[in-house]
Amino acid sequence: MQKLIKIQFGVLLLGTLFAWANFVWELVSWLQKKDCPTGCSVGLVNPFLTPCFYGACFFLITFILSCMILKESTLPSGRQEK
């Protein structure tokens, strides 16, 4: 189970980095008044209203939950966190 949790952590880390990199790229394009090269939005749409932003937020939430699960799974048996 520990191995599976670590794999989940790695996949979510990479997904989170990829999603936020796409969002930042989209934000920079929007601030420079250029079309988005990632295809998340057509035209000059506010990047905070696009699927890229919402996807990046959900990836971040699931990554944080994965961090919490990984932390709990590495605690020695019978030991409670205070």
PDB file of N, CA and C in Angstrom:
ATOM      1  N   MET A   1       0.825  -1.195   0.000  1.00  0.00           N
ATOM      2  CA  MET A   1       0.000   0.000   0.000  1.00  0.00           C
ATOM      3  C   MET A   1       0.871   1.263   0.000  1.00  0.00           C
ATOM      4  N   GLN A   2       1.976   1.213   0.723  1.00  0.00           N
ATOM      5  CA  GLN A   2       2.879   2.358   0.803  1.00  0.00           C
ATOM      6  C   GLN A   2       3.405   2.725  -0.590  1.00  0.00           C
ATOM      7  N   LYS A   3       3.727   1.713  -1.397  1.00  0.00           N
ATOM      8  CA  LYS A   3       4.249   1.958  -2.748  1.00  0.00           C
ATOM      9  C   LYS A   3       3.188   2.644  -3.612  1.00  0.00           C
ATOM     10  N   LEU A   4       1.952   2.195  -3.494  1.00  0.00           N
ATOM     11  CA  LEU A   4       0.856   2.786  -4.257  1.00  0.00           C
ATOM     12  C   LEU A   4       0.632   4.254  -3.867  1.00  0.00           C
ATOM     13  N   ILE A   5       0.741   4.562  -2.603  1.00  0.00           N
ATOM     14  CA  ILE A   5       0.575   5.943  -2.132  1.00  0.00           C
ATOM     15  C   ILE A   5       1.695   6.825  -2.680  1.00  0.00           C
ATOM     16  N   LYS A   6       2.906   6.290  -2.736  1.00  0.00           N
ATOM     17  CA  LYS A   6       4.030   7.066  -3.279  1.00  0.00           C
ATOM     18  C   LYS A   6       3.870   7.291  -4.780  1.00  0.00           C
ATOM     19  N   ILE A   7       3.362   6.292  -5.490  1.00  0.00           N
ATOM     20  CA  ILE A   7       3.108   6.459  -6.927  1.00  0.00           C
ATOM     21  C   ILE A   7       2.033   7.518  -7.137  1.00  0.00           C
ATOM     22  N   GLN A   8       0.973   7.467  -6.343  1.00  0.00           N
ATOM     23  CA  GLN A   8      -0.095   8.472  -6.428  1.00  0.00           C
ATOM     24  C   GLN A   8       0.469   9.859  -6.164  1.00  0.00           C
ATOM     25  N   PHE A   9       1.323   9.989  -5.162  1.00  0.00           N
ATOM     26  CA  PHE A   9       1.939  11.269  -4.830  1.00  0.00           C
ATOM     27  C   PHE A   9       2.728  11.803  -6.027  1.00  0.00           C
ATOM     28  N   GLY A  10       3.519  10.939  -6.662  1.00  0.00           N
ATOM     29  CA  GLY A  10       4.335  11.363  -7.803  1.00  0.00           C
ATOM     30  C   GLY A  10       3.493  11.784  -8.997  1.00  0.00           C
ATOM     31  N   VAL A  11       2.456  11.019  -9.287  1.00  0.00           N
ATOM     32  CA  VAL A  11       1.587  11.350 -10.419  1.00  0.00           C
ATOM     33  C   VAL A  11       0.876  12.678 -10.172  1.00  0.00           C
ATOM     34  N   LEU A  12       0.374  12.865  -8.963  1.00  0.00           N
ATOM     35  CA  LEU A  12      -0.311  14.127  -8.650  1.00  0.00           C
ATOM     36  C   LEU A  12       0.647  15.306  -8.623  1.00  0.00           C
ATOM     37  N   LEU A  13       1.888  15.087  -8.203  1.00  0.00           N
ATOM     38  CA  LEU A  13       2.890  16.155  -8.224  1.00  0.00           C
ATOM     39  C   LEU A  13       3.146  16.590  -9.659  1.00  0.00           C
ATOM     40  N   LEU A  14       3.387  15.635 -10.547  1.00  0.00           N
ATOM     41  CA  LEU A  14       3.634  15.967 -11.953  1.00  0.00           C
ATOM     42  C   LEU A  14       2.408  16.621 -12.595  1.00  0.00           C
ATOM     43  N   GLY A  15       1.227  16.105 -12.301  1.00  0.00           N
ATOM     44  CA  GLY A  15       0.001  16.690 -12.847  1.00  0.00           C
ATOM     45  C   GLY A  15      -0.222  18.112 -12.361  1.00  0.00           C
ATOM     46  N   THR A  16       0.063  18.349 -11.088  1.00  0.00           N
ATOM     47  CA  THR A  16      -0.105  19.688 -10.518  1.00  0.00           C
ATOM     48  C   THR A  16       0.869  20.674 -11.160  1.00  0.00           C
ATOM     49  N   LEU A  17       2.123  20.259 -11.299  1.00  0.00           N
ATOM     50  CA  LEU A  17       3.124  21.132 -11.931  1.00  0.00           C
ATOM     51  C   LEU A  17       2.748  21.430 -13.385  1.00  0.00           C
ATOM     52  N   PHE A  18       2.310  20.412 -14.110  1.00  0.00           N
ATOM     53  CA  PHE A  18       1.910  20.596 -15.503  1.00  0.00           C
ATOM     54  C   PHE A  18       0.707  21.535 -15.608  1.00  0.00           C
ATOM     55  N   ALA A  19      -0.298  21.323 -14.765  1.00  0.00           N
ATOM     56  CA  ALA A  19      -1.518  22.141 -14.821  1.00  0.00           C
ATOM     57  C   ALA A  19      -1.219  23.603 -14.503  1.00  0.00           C
ATOM     58  N   TRP A  20      -0.414  23.848 -13.463  1.00  0.00           N
ATOM     59  CA  TRP A  20      -0.105  25.232 -13.103  1.00  0.00           C
ATOM     60  C   TRP A  20       0.815  25.897 -14.121  1.00  0.00           C
ATOM     61  N   ALA A  21       1.703  25.108 -14.744  1.00  0.00           N
ATOM     62  CA  ALA A  21       2.552  25.669 -15.797  1.00  0.00           C
ATOM     63  C   ALA A  21       1.694  26.108 -16.983  1.00  0.00           C
ATOM     64  N   ASN A  22       0.713  25.289 -17.363  1.00  0.00           N
ATOM     65  CA  ASN A  22      -0.198  25.678 -18.447  1.00  0.00           C
ATOM     66  C   ASN A  22      -0.987  26.924 -18.085  1.00  0.00           C
ATOM     67  N   PHE A  23      -1.450  26.987 -16.845  1.00  0.00           N
ATOM     68  CA  PHE A  23      -2.217  28.162 -16.428  1.00  0.00           C
ATOM     69  C   PHE A  23      -1.350  29.417 -16.460  1.00  0.00           C
ATOM     70  N   VAL A  24      -0.128  29.314 -15.968  1.00  0.00           N
ATOM     71  CA  VAL A  24       0.774  30.484 -15.972  1.00  0.00           C
ATOM     72  C   VAL A  24       1.060  30.916 -17.406  1.00  0.00           C
ATOM     73  N   TRP A  25       1.263  29.949 -18.289  1.00  0.00           N
ATOM     74  CA  TRP A  25       1.497  30.266 -19.693  1.00  0.00           C
ATOM     75  C   TRP A  25       0.292  30.998 -20.279  1.00  0.00           C
ATOM     76  N   GLU A  26      -0.888  30.514 -19.943  1.00  0.00           N
ATOM     77  CA  GLU A  26      -2.123  31.157 -20.397  1.00  0.00           C
ATOM     78  C   GLU A  26      -2.262  32.561 -19.807  1.00  0.00           C
ATOM     79  N   LEU A  27      -1.932  32.726 -18.541  1.00  0.00           N
ATOM     80  CA  LEU A  27      -2.017  34.037 -17.879  1.00  0.00           C
ATOM     81  C   LEU A  27      -1.049  35.036 -18.508  1.00  0.00           C
ATOM     82  N   VAL A  28       0.172  34.613 -18.761  1.00  0.00           N
ATOM     83  CA  VAL A  28       1.164  35.505 -19.385  1.00  0.00           C
ATOM     84  C   VAL A  28       0.700  35.917 -20.783  1.00  0.00           C
ATOM     85  N   SER A  29       0.164  34.976 -21.541  1.00  0.00           N
ATOM     86  CA  SER A  29      -0.348  35.300 -22.882  1.00  0.00           C
ATOM     87  C   SER A  29      -1.483  36.311 -22.799  1.00  0.00           C
ATOM     88  N   TRP A  30      -2.370  36.112 -21.825  1.00  0.00           N
ATOM     89  CA  TRP A  30      -3.502  37.028 -21.653  1.00  0.00           C
ATOM     90  C   TRP A  30      -3.021  38.429 -21.260  1.00  0.00           C
ATOM     91  N   LEU A  31      -2.027  38.489 -20.371  1.00  0.00           N
ATOM     92  CA  LEU A  31      -1.513  39.792 -19.950  1.00  0.00           C
ATOM     93  C   LEU A  31      -0.801  40.518 -21.092  1.00  0.00           C
ATOM     94  N   GLN A  32      -0.237  39.747 -22.019  1.00  0.00           N
ATOM     95  CA  GLN A  32       0.429  40.347 -23.178  1.00  0.00           C
ATOM     96  C   GLN A  32      -0.532  40.540 -24.347  1.00  0.00           C
ATOM     97  N   LYS A  33      -1.821  40.276 -24.107  1.00  0.00           N
ATOM     98  CA  LYS A  33      -2.879  40.437 -25.107  1.00  0.00           C
ATOM     99  C   LYS A  33      -2.637  39.563 -26.349  1.00  0.00           C
ATOM    100  N   LYS A  34      -2.193  38.317 -26.102  1.00  0.00           N
ATOM    101  CA  LYS A  34      -2.001  37.344 -27.175  1.00  0.00           C
ATOM    102  C   LYS A  34      -2.983  36.201 -26.991  1.00  0.00           C
ATOM    103  N   ASP A  35      -3.229  35.443 -28.064  1.00  0.00           N
ATOM    104  CA  ASP A  35      -4.076  34.265 -27.958  1.00  0.00           C
ATOM    105  C   ASP A  35      -3.366  33.187 -27.153  1.00  0.00           C
ATOM    106  N   CYS A  36      -4.145  32.377 -26.467  1.00  0.00           N
ATOM    107  CA  CYS A  36      -3.600  31.314 -25.624  1.00  0.00           C
ATOM    108  C   CYS A  36      -3.027  30.186 -26.479  1.00  0.00           C
ATOM    109  N   PRO A  37      -1.753  29.843 -26.309  1.00  0.00           N
ATOM    110  CA  PRO A  37      -1.154  28.759 -27.103  1.00  0.00           C
ATOM    111  C   PRO A  37      -1.536  27.362 -26.603  1.00  0.00           C
ATOM    112  N   THR A  38      -2.102  27.251 -25.399  1.00  0.00           N
ATOM    113  CA  THR A  38      -2.440  25.931 -24.861  1.00  0.00           C
ATOM    114  C   THR A  38      -3.788  25.435 -25.348  1.00  0.00           C
ATOM    115  N   GLY A  39      -4.615  26.307 -25.860  1.00  0.00           N
ATOM    116  CA  GLY A  39      -5.923  25.908 -26.358  1.00  0.00           C
ATOM    117  C   GLY A  39      -6.995  25.850 -25.284  1.00  0.00           C
ATOM    118  N   CYS A  40      -6.701  26.315 -24.080  1.00  0.00           N
ATOM    119  CA  CYS A  40      -7.700  26.288 -23.005  1.00  0.00           C
ATOM    120  C   CYS A  40      -8.815  27.294 -23.260  1.00  0.00           C
ATOM    121  N   SER A  41      -8.478  28.382 -23.915  1.00  0.00           N
ATOM    122  CA  SER A  41      -9.500  29.387 -24.190  1.00  0.00           C
ATOM    123  C   SER A  41      -9.297  29.914 -25.602  1.00  0.00           C
ATOM    124  N   VAL A  42     -10.374  30.371 -26.182  1.00  0.00           N
ATOM    125  CA  VAL A  42     -10.316  30.929 -27.527  1.00  0.00           C
ATOM    126  C   VAL A  42     -10.464  32.432 -27.410  1.00  0.00           C
ATOM    127  N   GLY A  43      -9.547  33.160 -27.983  1.00  0.00           N
ATOM    128  CA  GLY A  43      -9.587  34.611 -27.888  1.00  0.00           C
ATOM    129  C   GLY A  43      -8.987  35.089 -26.574  1.00  0.00           C
ATOM    130  N   LEU A  44      -9.226  36.350 -26.275  1.00  0.00           N
ATOM    131  CA  LEU A  44      -8.678  36.942 -25.058  1.00  0.00           C
ATOM    132  C   LEU A  44      -9.680  36.794 -23.916  1.00  0.00           C
ATOM    133  N   VAL A  45      -9.716  35.610 -23.333  1.00  0.00           N
ATOM    134  CA  VAL A  45     -10.628  35.292 -22.234  1.00  0.00           C
ATOM    135  C   VAL A  45      -9.842  35.362 -20.925  1.00  0.00           C
ATOM    136  N   ASN A  46     -10.485  35.894 -19.906  1.00  0.00           N
ATOM    137  CA  ASN A  46      -9.856  35.944 -18.589  1.00  0.00           C
ATOM    138  C   ASN A  46      -9.428  34.528 -18.190  1.00  0.00           C
ATOM    139  N   PRO A  47      -8.128  34.290 -17.922  1.00  0.00           N
ATOM    140  CA  PRO A  47      -7.662  32.932 -17.636  1.00  0.00           C
ATOM    141  C   PRO A  47      -8.216  32.351 -16.330  1.00  0.00           C
ATOM    142  N   PHE A  48      -8.711  33.181 -15.453  1.00  0.00           N
ATOM    143  CA  PHE A  48      -9.289  32.687 -14.200  1.00  0.00           C
ATOM    144  C   PHE A  48     -10.694  32.106 -14.414  1.00  0.00           C
ATOM    145  N   LEU A  49     -11.206  32.218 -15.622  1.00  0.00           N
ATOM    146  CA  LEU A  49     -12.523  31.672 -15.946  1.00  0.00           C
ATOM    147  C   LEU A  49     -12.430  30.489 -16.915  1.00  0.00           C
ATOM    148  N   THR A  50     -11.253  29.913 -17.063  1.00  0.00           N
ATOM    149  CA  THR A  50     -11.041  28.835 -18.031  1.00  0.00           C
ATOM    150  C   THR A  50     -10.897  27.479 -17.332  1.00  0.00           C
ATOM    151  N   PRO A  51     -11.075  26.400 -18.088  1.00  0.00           N
ATOM    152  CA  PRO A  51     -10.890  25.058 -17.522  1.00  0.00           C
ATOM    153  C   PRO A  51      -9.472  24.817 -17.004  1.00  0.00           C
ATOM    154  N   CYS A  52      -8.475  25.472 -17.580  1.00  0.00           N
ATOM    155  CA  CYS A  52      -7.089  25.295 -17.114  1.00  0.00           C
ATOM    156  C   CYS A  52      -6.953  25.709 -15.642  1.00  0.00           C
ATOM    157  N   PHE A  53      -7.575  26.808 -15.284  1.00  0.00           N
ATOM    158  CA  PHE A  53      -7.476  27.287 -13.911  1.00  0.00           C
ATOM    159  C   PHE A  53      -8.190  26.344 -12.944  1.00  0.00           C
ATOM    160  N   TYR A  54      -9.411  25.931 -13.322  1.00  0.00           N
ATOM    161  CA  TYR A  54     -10.163  25.034 -12.438  1.00  0.00           C
ATOM    162  C   TYR A  54      -9.480  23.674 -12.318  1.00  0.00           C
ATOM    163  N   GLY A  55      -8.930  23.188 -13.411  1.00  0.00           N
ATOM    164  CA  GLY A  55      -8.197  21.919 -13.370  1.00  0.00           C
ATOM    165  C   GLY A  55      -6.969  22.016 -12.487  1.00  0.00           C
ATOM    166  N   ALA A  56      -6.248  23.131 -12.584  1.00  0.00           N
ATOM    167  CA  ALA A  56      -5.058  23.329 -11.755  1.00  0.00           C
ATOM    168  C   ALA A  56      -5.441  23.395 -10.271  1.00  0.00           C
ATOM    169  N   CYS A  57      -6.550  24.041  -9.968  1.00  0.00           N
ATOM    170  CA  CYS A  57      -7.010  24.116  -8.572  1.00  0.00           C
ATOM    171  C   CYS A  57      -7.363  22.727  -8.034  1.00  0.00           C
ATOM    172  N   PHE A  58      -8.073  21.938  -8.825  1.00  0.00           N
ATOM    173  CA  PHE A  58      -8.446  20.597  -8.367  1.00  0.00           C
ATOM    174  C   PHE A  58      -7.227  19.690  -8.240  1.00  0.00           C
ATOM    175  N   PHE A  59      -6.266  19.824  -9.153  1.00  0.00           N
ATOM    176  CA  PHE A  59      -5.029  19.056  -9.017  1.00  0.00           C
ATOM    177  C   PHE A  59      -4.312  19.444  -7.726  1.00  0.00           C
ATOM    178  N   LEU A  60      -4.280  20.731  -7.408  1.00  0.00           N
ATOM    179  CA  LEU A  60      -3.621  21.183  -6.185  1.00  0.00           C
ATOM    180  C   LEU A  60      -4.314  20.621  -4.943  1.00  0.00           C
ATOM    181  N   ILE A  61      -5.636  20.638  -4.935  1.00  0.00           N
ATOM    182  CA  ILE A  61      -6.384  20.102  -3.792  1.00  0.00           C
ATOM    183  C   ILE A  61      -6.094  18.616  -3.617  1.00  0.00           C
ATOM    184  N   THR A  62      -6.142  17.859  -4.716  1.00  0.00           N
ATOM    185  CA  THR A  62      -5.885  16.422  -4.594  1.00  0.00           C
ATOM    186  C   THR A  62      -4.435  16.140  -4.223  1.00  0.00           C
ATOM    187  N   PHE A  63      -3.506  16.980  -4.675  1.00  0.00           N
ATOM    188  CA  PHE A  63      -2.105  16.811  -4.294  1.00  0.00           C
ATOM    189  C   PHE A  63      -1.914  17.047  -2.800  1.00  0.00           C
ATOM    190  N   ILE A  64      -2.572  18.065  -2.262  1.00  0.00           N
ATOM    191  CA  ILE A  64      -2.480  18.340  -0.819  1.00  0.00           C
ATOM    192  C   ILE A  64      -3.062  17.175  -0.022  1.00  0.00           C
ATOM    193  N   LEU A  65      -4.201  16.645  -0.472  1.00  0.00           N
ATOM    194  CA  LEU A  65      -4.777  15.476   0.206  1.00  0.00           C
ATOM    195  C   LEU A  65      -3.835  14.279   0.128  1.00  0.00           C
ATOM    196  N   SER A  66      -3.177  14.096  -1.005  1.00  0.00           N
ATOM    197  CA  SER A  66      -2.215  13.010  -1.150  1.00  0.00           C
ATOM    198  C   SER A  66      -1.031  13.190  -0.202  1.00  0.00           C
ATOM    199  N   CYS A  67      -0.583  14.423  -0.029  1.00  0.00           N
ATOM    200  CA  CYS A  67       0.498  14.707   0.927  1.00  0.00           C
ATOM    201  C   CYS A  67       0.086  14.324   2.341  1.00  0.00           C
ATOM    202  N   MET A  68      -1.155  14.643   2.693  1.00  0.00           N
ATOM    203  CA  MET A  68      -1.642  14.311   4.021  1.00  0.00           C
ATOM    204  C   MET A  68      -1.719  12.792   4.206  1.00  0.00           C
ATOM    205  N   ILE A  69      -2.189  12.078   3.180  1.00  0.00           N
ATOM    206  CA  ILE A  69      -2.259  10.616   3.251  1.00  0.00           C
ATOM    207  C   ILE A  69      -0.867  10.015   3.369  1.00  0.00           C
ATOM    208  N   LEU A  70       0.083  10.526   2.584  1.00  0.00           N
ATOM    209  CA  LEU A  70       1.456  10.025   2.636  1.00  0.00           C
ATOM    210  C   LEU A  70       2.070  10.271   4.010  1.00  0.00           C
ATOM    211  N   LYS A  71       1.813  11.450   4.565  1.00  0.00           N
ATOM    212  CA  LYS A  71       2.347  11.764   5.892  1.00  0.00           C
ATOM    213  C   LYS A  71       1.775  10.815   6.946  1.00  0.00           C
ATOM    214  N   GLU A  72       0.465  10.580   6.898  1.00  0.00           N
ATOM    215  CA  GLU A  72      -0.173   9.682   7.856  1.00  0.00           C
ATOM    216  C   GLU A  72       0.313   8.240   7.696  1.00  0.00           C
ATOM    217  N   SER A  73       0.566   7.833   6.462  1.00  0.00           N
ATOM    218  CA  SER A  73       0.976   6.449   6.227  1.00  0.00           C
ATOM    219  C   SER A  73       2.419   6.195   6.648  1.00  0.00           C
ATOM    220  N   THR A  74       3.217   7.246   6.784  1.00  0.00           N
ATOM    221  CA  THR A  74       4.614   7.067   7.192  1.00  0.00           C
ATOM    222  C   THR A  74       4.794   7.149   8.694  1.00  0.00           C
ATOM    223  N   LEU A  75       3.744   7.499   9.439  1.00  0.00           N
ATOM    224  CA  LEU A  75       3.842   7.511  10.898  1.00  0.00           C
ATOM    225  C   LEU A  75       3.949   6.075  11.400  1.00  0.00           C
ATOM    226  N   PRO A  76       4.769   5.824  12.414  1.00  0.00           N
ATOM    227  CA  PRO A  76       4.857   4.473  12.968  1.00  0.00           C
ATOM    228  C   PRO A  76       3.491   4.003  13.491  1.00  0.00           C
ATOM    229  N   SER A  77       3.245   2.707  13.430  1.00  0.00           N
ATOM    230  CA  SER A  77       1.971   2.122  13.888  1.00  0.00           C
ATOM    231  C   SER A  77       1.721   2.440  15.352  1.00  0.00           C
ATOM    232  N   GLY A  78       0.482   2.762  15.669  1.00  0.00           N
ATOM    233  CA  GLY A  78       0.107   3.010  17.045  1.00  0.00           C
ATOM    234  C   GLY A  78       0.435   4.406  17.527  1.00  0.00           C
ATOM    235  N   ARG A  79       1.089   5.185  16.720  1.00  0.00           N
ATOM    236  CA  ARG A  79       1.459   6.553  17.124  1.00  0.00           C
ATOM    237  C   ARG A  79       0.443   7.519  16.560  1.00  0.00           C
ATOM    238  N   GLN A  80      -0.101   8.353  17.375  1.00  0.00           N
ATOM    239  CA  GLN A  80      -1.077   9.348  16.964  1.00  0.00           C
ATOM    240  C   GLN A  80      -0.393  10.699  16.835  1.00  0.00           C
ATOM    241  N   GLU A  81      -0.769  11.433  15.794  1.00  0.00           N
ATOM    242  CA  GLU A  81      -0.236  12.775  15.628  1.00  0.00           C
ATOM    243  C   GLU A  81      -1.022  13.723  16.526  1.00  0.00           C
ATOM    244  N   LYS A  82      -0.333  14.667  17.134  1.00  0.00           N
ATOM    245  CA  LYS A  82      -0.990  15.619  18.038  1.00  0.00           C
ATOM    246  C   LYS A  82      -1.375  16.858  17.311  1.00  0.00           C
TER     247      LYS A  82
END
